[in-house]
Structure formats: C-alpha cells, structure tokens
C-alpha cells in the first residue's frame, strides 16, 4: 500500500464507524456542498464522511436482515472488495483470483452434492444470473449467433411468477419483452407446451423455486422429456429456495 493511500483508507474506516443519519435527496445535495477553500485532505475527509454518514445500507434499513446477520460475512466481503479493487490492474493479478474463485466453486459444488464435471461461476446478483443464463441458452441453441446474429425472433417461456429479470434480460439482449411468454406451469399441459414450442422459436424455459415471499415452486418434472427432446435450456431461478441444496434432507 502506498504512503498516500494508507491515510485515505484510515479516513474511510473511521467514516464507516460514524453514526448514520437519514436525509432526503434534496438535503443530501446540500450536505455535499463544501467550502471551495478546503484543502485537498480536508475536502477528501468531508466528502467521504458525508457519503458514509448519510447513506443508509440495506442492513440498517432492515432489508435482508436474516442474511446479513451472519457473523463476519459483511466484513469479509468488504475486505475482499478492497483487495480486488487494489489488485485489479489487469491480467497479471488474475491468476490467483481465478484460482481462488475456482476453488470456492468446487468447494460449494461439493457441499451441494454435485459430482465430477459440474462447474459454475460467481455472479453479482440474481438479475445478472438470469441474463447470463439467457445469453448461454441462446448460444447453445444458435452457436453462430456471436458472428452472424439472428434474422428472426426467438422466445423464452417463463413462469408467470418469474422475476422481472426475465423481461430485463429480454430487453438487454434485444429479444423484446413481448417474446418472453409467461405461463402457469401448474395449469399448462404437456401438449400445450409442445404447441408453444413448435409454433415459436423457444430457446429457453425459466421456472422458479421459491424466489419470493409466497414460496412459489414450479413443478415442471412433467416437462423434462419435452425439454430434452427439443434441446431447450432449463434455467431455475432459485435465489431463495436454492439454499435447500445444502440440506441432505431437503435436497431434490
């Protein structure tokens, strides 16, 4: 760590410990108005202090409290972010970080009972997971898409309980939200699903496993043979229910 960076980190850590205050957006703009005569060091302290003091975290706001109560998890995540940000200067920093990610993934795969050949990636959130799965599914169905693009519309079938990330993914990929077909997997029959597939260019099916407070679980075992026959990628959104994988009792 450089001599100039250390005191700045100390300022940041001290700011983290300051008591938080709530304020409106208009008030926040006033809080960030500083005397132009402040020297660089004082200006840095004032800006960092104000940002940390008036920014309420999800933990302090009562969101996801059960998750954030895990002892030390927030601190370790903060330390990891600081290390990665400090070392992220290009390719030369990647070998160790790639190795660490690979080892963590294999450790988790072992915990959930996945055997040889299983793999995974770390992603920054549920919406991004859906987007990456949609891109992967499109590439599997249309491997030339990287070079040639597509000259026809394609569709994804998703649960009517699906997260908004399905529509967001369709928007970001240029598929169009009208091509995200929402169905009730408890009501639709295998014959109706086949009709949907044969009348459209279905490249993916997205089901849900307890992603919200209502505990919705789409039981689509009855469609597994259909998906295999048409080689359709099945993505399960299990941002909450997926933790059942760590239980030998409830693992499916």
Protein backbone atom coordinates (compact mmCIF):
# COMPACT_ATOMS: atom_id res chain seq x y z
CA UNK A 1 0.00 0.00 0.00
CA UNK A 2 1.41 3.38 -0.98
CA UNK A 3 2.14 6.03 1.62
CA UNK A 4 -0.60 8.26 0.21
CA UNK A 5 -3.23 5.50 0.18
CA UNK A 6 -2.91 4.41 3.81
CA UNK A 7 -4.21 7.65 5.41
CA UNK A 8 -7.13 7.69 2.95
CA UNK A 9 -8.09 4.14 3.96
CA UNK A 10 -7.91 5.20 7.62
CA UNK A 11 -10.30 8.07 6.87
CA UNK A 12 -12.69 5.65 5.17
CA UNK A 13 -12.63 3.16 8.04
CA UNK A 14 -13.29 5.94 10.54
CA UNK A 15 -16.21 7.16 8.42
CA UNK A 16 -17.71 3.67 8.47
CA UNK A 17 -17.94 3.87 12.25
CA UNK A 18 -19.78 7.21 12.33
CA UNK A 19 -23.42 7.20 13.36
CA UNK A 20 -25.71 7.31 10.33
CA UNK A 21 -28.37 9.93 9.65
CA UNK A 22 -31.31 9.82 7.25
CA UNK A 23 -31.94 12.70 4.90
CA UNK A 24 -33.91 13.41 1.74
CA UNK A 25 -32.33 13.67 -1.68
CA UNK A 26 -32.55 17.46 -1.60
CA UNK A 27 -30.97 17.54 1.84
CA UNK A 28 -28.24 15.21 0.63
CA UNK A 29 -27.31 17.65 -2.16
CA UNK A 30 -26.90 20.32 0.48
CA UNK A 31 -24.78 18.05 2.66
CA UNK A 32 -22.40 17.56 -0.28
CA UNK A 33 -21.93 21.28 -0.81
CA UNK A 34 -18.49 22.11 0.56
CA UNK A 35 -16.44 25.23 1.01
CA UNK A 36 -14.31 25.65 -2.12
CA UNK A 37 -11.45 26.90 0.05
CA UNK A 38 -11.00 23.50 1.69
CA UNK A 39 -7.62 21.92 1.08
CA UNK A 40 -7.42 18.54 -0.67
CA UNK A 41 -7.08 16.47 2.52
CA UNK A 42 -9.93 18.27 4.31
CA UNK A 43 -12.13 18.07 1.21
CA UNK A 44 -11.49 14.31 0.95
CA UNK A 45 -12.44 13.79 4.60
CA UNK A 46 -15.57 15.92 4.23
CA UNK A 47 -16.79 14.10 1.11
CA UNK A 48 -16.10 10.59 2.43
CA UNK A 49 -17.62 11.45 5.80
CA UNK A 50 -20.80 12.85 4.27
CA UNK A 51 -21.28 9.94 1.86
CA UNK A 52 -20.85 7.35 4.63
CA UNK A 53 -22.91 9.26 7.18
CA UNK A 54 -25.96 9.90 5.02
CA UNK A 55 -26.01 6.63 3.04
CA UNK A 56 -28.20 4.04 4.76
CA UNK A 57 -27.22 0.46 3.96
CA UNK A 58 -29.73 -2.34 3.34
CA UNK A 59 -28.75 -3.81 6.71
CA UNK A 60 -29.54 -0.59 8.55
CA UNK A 61 -32.73 -0.22 6.55
CA UNK A 62 -33.99 -3.62 7.73
CA UNK A 63 -33.68 -5.34 4.35
CA UNK A 64 -32.47 -8.95 4.11
CA UNK A 65 -31.78 -8.87 7.84
CA UNK A 66 -31.69 -12.66 8.20
CA UNK A 67 -28.95 -12.92 5.58
CA UNK A 68 -26.90 -10.01 6.85
CA UNK A 69 -26.92 -11.22 10.44
CA UNK A 70 -24.33 -13.89 9.57
CA UNK A 71 -21.39 -13.02 11.81
CA UNK A 72 -18.48 -11.50 9.92
CA UNK A 73 -19.89 -12.00 6.41
CA UNK A 74 -20.24 -8.30 5.67
CA UNK A 75 -16.75 -7.53 6.96
CA UNK A 76 -15.14 -10.30 4.91
CA UNK A 77 -16.98 -9.15 1.79
CA UNK A 78 -15.73 -5.61 2.38
CA UNK A 79 -12.16 -6.82 2.81
CA UNK A 80 -12.42 -8.93 -0.37
CA UNK A 81 -13.74 -5.93 -2.32
CA UNK A 82 -10.84 -3.80 -1.10
CA UNK A 83 -8.27 -6.44 -2.06
CA UNK A 84 -9.74 -6.96 -5.53
CA UNK A 85 -10.04 -3.22 -6.18
CA UNK A 86 -6.46 -2.66 -5.05
CA UNK A 87 -5.06 -5.50 -7.16
CA UNK A 88 -7.24 -5.09 -10.23
CA UNK A 89 -4.61 -3.72 -12.58
CA UNK A 90 -5.11 -6.15 -15.46
CA UNK A 91 -4.11 -9.66 -16.44
CA UNK A 92 -1.19 -10.05 -14.05
CA UNK A 93 -3.48 -10.01 -11.00
CA UNK A 94 -5.91 -12.59 -12.39
CA UNK A 95 -4.16 -15.98 -11.92
CA UNK A 96 -4.54 -16.09 -8.14
CA UNK A 97 -8.05 -14.58 -8.19
CA UNK A 98 -9.12 -17.09 -10.86
CA UNK A 99 -7.66 -19.92 -8.80
CA UNK A 100 -9.42 -18.73 -5.63
CA UNK A 101 -12.76 -18.50 -7.47
CA UNK A 102 -12.31 -21.97 -8.95
CA UNK A 103 -11.52 -23.49 -5.55
CA UNK A 104 -14.52 -21.78 -3.93
CA UNK A 105 -16.85 -23.03 -6.68
CA UNK A 106 -15.62 -26.64 -6.33
CA UNK A 107 -15.99 -26.42 -2.55
CA UNK A 108 -19.60 -25.24 -2.89
CA UNK A 109 -20.34 -27.92 -5.51
CA UNK A 110 -19.13 -30.49 -3.02
CA UNK A 111 -21.39 -29.11 -0.31
CA UNK A 112 -24.49 -29.39 -2.51
CA UNK A 113 -23.66 -32.88 -3.73
CA UNK A 114 -22.70 -32.17 -7.34
CA UNK A 115 -20.29 -34.71 -8.83
CA UNK A 116 -17.36 -34.54 -11.29
CA UNK A 117 -17.97 -32.39 -14.35
CA UNK A 118 -20.11 -29.83 -12.52
CA UNK A 119 -19.00 -26.23 -12.71
CA UNK A 120 -20.22 -22.71 -12.01
CA UNK A 121 -19.43 -19.03 -11.86
CA UNK A 122 -19.76 -16.27 -9.29
CA UNK A 123 -22.12 -13.50 -10.39
CA UNK A 124 -23.06 -10.20 -8.70
CA UNK A 125 -26.79 -10.81 -8.32
CA UNK A 126 -29.93 -12.70 -9.30
CA UNK A 127 -30.83 -10.48 -12.26
CA UNK A 128 -27.36 -10.90 -13.72
CA UNK A 129 -27.63 -14.67 -13.26
CA UNK A 130 -30.80 -14.69 -15.34
CA UNK A 131 -29.20 -12.57 -18.04
CA UNK A 132 -26.11 -14.79 -18.28
CA UNK A 133 -28.28 -17.91 -18.43
CA UNK A 134 -30.35 -16.37 -21.25
CA UNK A 135 -27.20 -15.50 -23.21
CA UNK A 136 -25.84 -19.02 -22.65
CA UNK A 137 -29.13 -20.63 -23.70
CA UNK A 138 -29.27 -18.57 -26.90
CA UNK A 139 -25.68 -19.50 -27.71
CA UNK A 140 -26.42 -23.21 -27.17
CA UNK A 141 -29.42 -23.10 -29.49
CA UNK A 142 -27.77 -20.79 -32.04
CA UNK A 143 -23.96 -21.25 -31.79
CA UNK A 144 -23.31 -18.92 -34.75
CA UNK A 145 -25.09 -16.01 -33.09
CA UNK A 146 -21.79 -14.41 -32.00
CA UNK A 147 -20.70 -13.89 -35.59
CA UNK A 148 -23.90 -13.73 -37.61
CA UNK A 149 -26.55 -12.52 -35.19
CA UNK A 150 -30.15 -13.65 -35.70
CA UNK A 151 -32.51 -12.74 -38.52
CA UNK A 152 -35.67 -13.99 -36.81
CA UNK A 153 -37.37 -13.54 -33.43
CA UNK A 154 -36.80 -16.03 -30.62
CA UNK A 155 -38.81 -16.62 -27.48
CA UNK A 156 -38.33 -17.67 -23.87
CA UNK A 157 -41.07 -19.38 -21.85
CA UNK A 158 -41.12 -18.22 -18.24
CA UNK A 159 -43.25 -18.81 -15.20
CA UNK A 160 -45.91 -16.20 -14.57
CA UNK A 161 -44.23 -15.88 -11.17
CA UNK A 162 -40.85 -15.16 -12.76
CA UNK A 163 -38.79 -12.26 -11.53
CA UNK A 164 -38.74 -9.08 -13.58
CA UNK A 165 -35.17 -10.01 -14.55
CA UNK A 166 -36.65 -12.18 -17.32
CA UNK A 167 -38.11 -9.11 -19.04
CA UNK A 168 -34.94 -7.16 -18.29
CA UNK A 169 -32.85 -9.87 -19.93
CA UNK A 170 -35.11 -9.93 -23.00
CA UNK A 171 -34.77 -6.16 -23.23
CA UNK A 172 -30.99 -6.09 -22.85
CA UNK A 173 -30.47 -8.91 -25.35
CA UNK A 174 -32.66 -7.25 -27.96
CA UNK A 175 -35.16 -10.12 -27.91
CA UNK A 176 -38.03 -7.88 -26.86
CA UNK A 177 -40.23 -8.27 -23.81
CA UNK A 178 -43.15 -9.46 -25.97
CA UNK A 179 -41.09 -12.57 -26.69
CA UNK A 180 -40.96 -13.50 -23.00
CA UNK A 181 -44.01 -15.79 -22.88
CA UNK A 182 -45.44 -16.15 -19.37
CA UNK A 183 -47.29 -19.33 -18.42
CA UNK A 184 -48.71 -21.04 -15.34
CA UNK A 185 -46.76 -24.30 -15.15
CA UNK A 186 -49.38 -25.82 -12.85
CA UNK A 187 -52.13 -25.26 -15.43
CA UNK A 188 -50.44 -25.80 -18.78
CA UNK A 189 -50.43 -29.35 -20.17
CA UNK A 190 -47.52 -31.09 -21.91
CA UNK A 191 -49.46 -30.94 -25.19
CA UNK A 192 -49.96 -27.17 -24.83
CA UNK A 193 -46.26 -26.71 -24.08
CA UNK A 194 -45.32 -28.69 -27.20
CA UNK A 195 -47.68 -26.49 -29.25
CA UNK A 196 -45.97 -23.37 -27.90
CA UNK A 197 -42.55 -24.77 -28.74
CA UNK A 198 -43.49 -25.84 -32.26
CA UNK A 199 -45.23 -22.57 -33.11
CA UNK A 200 -42.36 -20.41 -31.85
CA UNK A 201 -38.56 -20.39 -31.66
CA UNK A 202 -38.25 -21.33 -27.99
CA UNK A 203 -34.63 -21.41 -26.84
CA UNK A 204 -35.17 -21.48 -23.08
CA UNK A 205 -37.59 -22.19 -20.23
CA UNK A 206 -37.35 -20.35 -16.90
CA UNK A 207 -39.04 -21.79 -13.83
CA UNK A 208 -38.98 -20.55 -10.25
CA UNK A 209 -38.11 -22.15 -6.94
CA UNK A 210 -39.22 -20.00 -4.02
CA UNK A 211 -37.92 -16.63 -5.23
CA UNK A 212 -40.41 -14.53 -3.26
CA UNK A 213 -42.35 -14.41 -0.01
CA UNK A 214 -45.19 -16.52 -1.38
CA UNK A 215 -42.86 -19.53 -1.71
CA UNK A 216 -43.83 -20.34 -5.30
CA UNK A 217 -42.32 -23.58 -6.61
CA UNK A 218 -42.89 -24.54 -10.25
CA UNK A 219 -43.09 -28.32 -10.52
CA UNK A 220 -42.17 -28.98 -14.12
CA UNK A 221 -40.91 -32.56 -13.91
CA UNK A 222 -43.68 -33.50 -16.33
CA UNK A 223 -41.97 -31.35 -18.99
CA UNK A 224 -38.44 -32.73 -18.62
CA UNK A 225 -38.72 -35.16 -21.56
CA UNK A 226 -40.09 -32.39 -23.76
CA UNK A 227 -37.18 -30.09 -22.95
CA UNK A 228 -34.69 -32.87 -23.67
CA UNK A 229 -36.39 -33.72 -26.97
CA UNK A 230 -36.27 -30.13 -28.20
CA UNK A 231 -32.89 -29.42 -26.56
CA UNK A 232 -34.26 -26.46 -24.63
CA UNK A 233 -32.18 -24.91 -21.86
CA UNK A 234 -33.92 -25.01 -18.46
CA UNK A 235 -33.00 -22.25 -16.00
CA UNK A 236 -34.31 -22.47 -12.43
CA UNK A 237 -34.47 -19.16 -10.58
CA UNK A 238 -33.80 -20.31 -7.02
CA UNK A 239 -32.40 -17.23 -5.34
CA UNK A 240 -34.03 -18.23 -2.05
CA UNK A 241 -35.14 -21.84 -2.35
CA UNK A 242 -31.77 -22.83 -3.78
CA UNK A 243 -30.35 -22.99 -0.27
CA UNK A 244 -32.19 -26.31 0.07
CA UNK A 245 -29.30 -27.79 -1.94
CA UNK A 246 -27.17 -27.54 1.19
CA UNK A 247 -29.56 -29.79 3.11
CA UNK A 248 -29.26 -33.56 2.76
CA UNK A 249 -32.87 -33.75 3.98
CA UNK A 250 -34.49 -31.31 1.53
CA UNK A 251 -32.12 -31.63 -1.43
CA UNK A 252 -34.03 -32.77 -4.51
